[in-house]
């Protein structure tokens, strides 16, 4: 009679765990879930914002709602609607207008 062989440990991608640069475990989650927990948007709204290219993860545009990211990642939403648009004033020669 043989003792049961140890089962292989689950891979980090299947557990949702990753390793940070300092070797500590970091939870990997879907960005929309993190955004919802932080009060940035609902999950569905987060997915819509990502598809529009309006979500930045650590300063880079993030469009894939299925790609898991570190739970401590810096997430921001870009609001193009309230963005200040520059106004350009030109002097036109007399008689042009």
Protein backbone atom coordinates (compact mmCIF):
# COMPACT_ATOMS: atom_id res chain seq x y z
CA UNK A 1 0.00 0.00 0.00
CA UNK A 2 1.49 3.32 -1.11
CA UNK A 3 0.79 6.71 0.49
CA UNK A 4 -1.18 9.07 -1.76
CA UNK A 5 1.04 11.18 -3.94
CA UNK A 6 0.84 14.90 -3.26
CA UNK A 7 -1.40 16.71 -5.67
CA UNK A 8 0.28 19.39 -7.75
CA UNK A 9 -0.16 22.87 -6.37
CA UNK A 10 -2.58 25.02 -8.37
CA UNK A 11 -1.01 27.47 -10.77
CA UNK A 12 -1.13 31.17 -9.85
CA UNK A 13 -3.49 31.90 -12.75
CA UNK A 14 -6.05 29.35 -11.54
CA UNK A 15 -6.03 30.64 -7.96
CA UNK A 16 -6.09 34.31 -8.89
CA UNK A 17 -2.81 34.82 -7.04
CA UNK A 18 0.31 36.33 -8.48
CA UNK A 19 3.67 37.33 -7.12
CA UNK A 20 4.63 40.93 -6.66
CA UNK A 21 8.15 42.20 -7.27
CA UNK A 22 8.99 41.78 -3.57
CA UNK A 23 7.82 38.13 -3.62
CA UNK A 24 4.55 38.62 -1.71
CA UNK A 25 1.32 37.14 -3.07
CA UNK A 26 -0.98 39.63 -4.75
CA UNK A 27 -4.56 38.88 -5.64
CA UNK A 28 -5.33 39.10 -9.37
CA UNK A 29 -8.86 40.24 -10.18
CA UNK A 30 -10.94 41.48 -13.08
CA UNK A 31 -10.59 45.26 -13.35
CA UNK A 32 -14.37 45.88 -13.33
CA UNK A 33 -14.64 44.08 -9.98
CA UNK A 34 -11.90 46.25 -8.47
CA UNK A 35 -13.51 49.40 -9.92
CA UNK A 36 -16.87 48.41 -8.41
CA UNK A 37 -15.36 47.74 -4.98
CA UNK A 38 -13.58 51.12 -5.04
CA UNK A 39 -16.77 52.96 -6.04
CA UNK A 40 -15.49 54.05 -9.47
CA UNK A 41 -18.32 52.33 -11.38
CA UNK A 42 -20.59 49.31 -11.43
CA UNK A 43 -19.08 46.16 -12.95
CA UNK A 44 -21.02 46.53 -16.20
CA UNK A 45 -20.21 50.24 -16.42
CA UNK A 46 -16.53 49.40 -15.82
CA UNK A 47 -16.57 46.96 -18.74
CA UNK A 48 -18.23 49.60 -20.95
CA UNK A 49 -15.65 52.22 -19.95
CA UNK A 50 -12.84 49.78 -20.76
CA UNK A 51 -14.29 49.06 -24.21
CA UNK A 52 -14.28 52.83 -24.83
CA UNK A 53 -10.61 53.08 -23.83
CA UNK A 54 -11.42 55.29 -20.83
CA UNK A 55 -9.81 53.15 -18.11
CA UNK A 56 -6.16 53.56 -17.17
CA UNK A 57 -4.38 50.85 -15.17
CA UNK A 58 -1.06 52.06 -13.81
CA UNK A 59 -1.13 54.89 -16.35
CA UNK A 60 -1.79 52.73 -19.44
CA UNK A 61 -5.07 52.32 -21.35
CA UNK A 62 -6.69 49.00 -20.42
CA UNK A 63 -9.33 47.65 -22.82
CA UNK A 64 -9.61 43.95 -21.91
CA UNK A 65 -12.19 43.36 -19.13
CA UNK A 66 -11.17 39.70 -18.90
CA UNK A 67 -7.48 40.30 -18.24
CA UNK A 68 -6.86 40.06 -14.52
CA UNK A 69 -4.78 42.75 -12.86
CA UNK A 70 -3.18 43.19 -9.45
CA UNK A 71 -5.75 44.13 -6.82
CA UNK A 72 -3.53 47.02 -5.69
CA UNK A 73 -3.14 48.49 -9.21
CA UNK A 74 -3.72 52.20 -9.72
CA UNK A 75 -6.98 52.52 -11.71
CA UNK A 76 -8.37 55.77 -13.05
CA UNK A 77 -11.22 56.67 -15.39
CA UNK A 78 -10.65 59.33 -18.03
CA UNK A 79 -13.64 61.64 -18.49
CA UNK A 80 -13.46 63.04 -22.02
CA UNK A 81 -16.85 64.76 -21.68
CA UNK A 82 -15.63 67.24 -19.05
CA UNK A 83 -12.16 67.63 -20.49
CA UNK A 84 -11.12 71.24 -21.00
CA UNK A 85 -10.86 71.96 -24.70
CA UNK A 86 -8.46 74.68 -25.83
CA UNK A 87 -9.87 77.76 -27.51
CA UNK A 88 -7.81 79.23 -30.32
CA UNK A 89 -8.23 82.88 -31.22
CA UNK A 90 -6.98 84.06 -34.60
CA UNK A 91 -6.61 87.54 -35.99
CA UNK A 92 -8.07 87.64 -39.47
CA UNK A 93 -7.02 90.19 -42.06
CA UNK A 94 -9.56 92.97 -42.71
CA UNK A 95 -12.01 92.02 -45.44
CA UNK A 96 -11.59 88.23 -44.96
CA UNK A 97 -14.76 87.73 -42.93
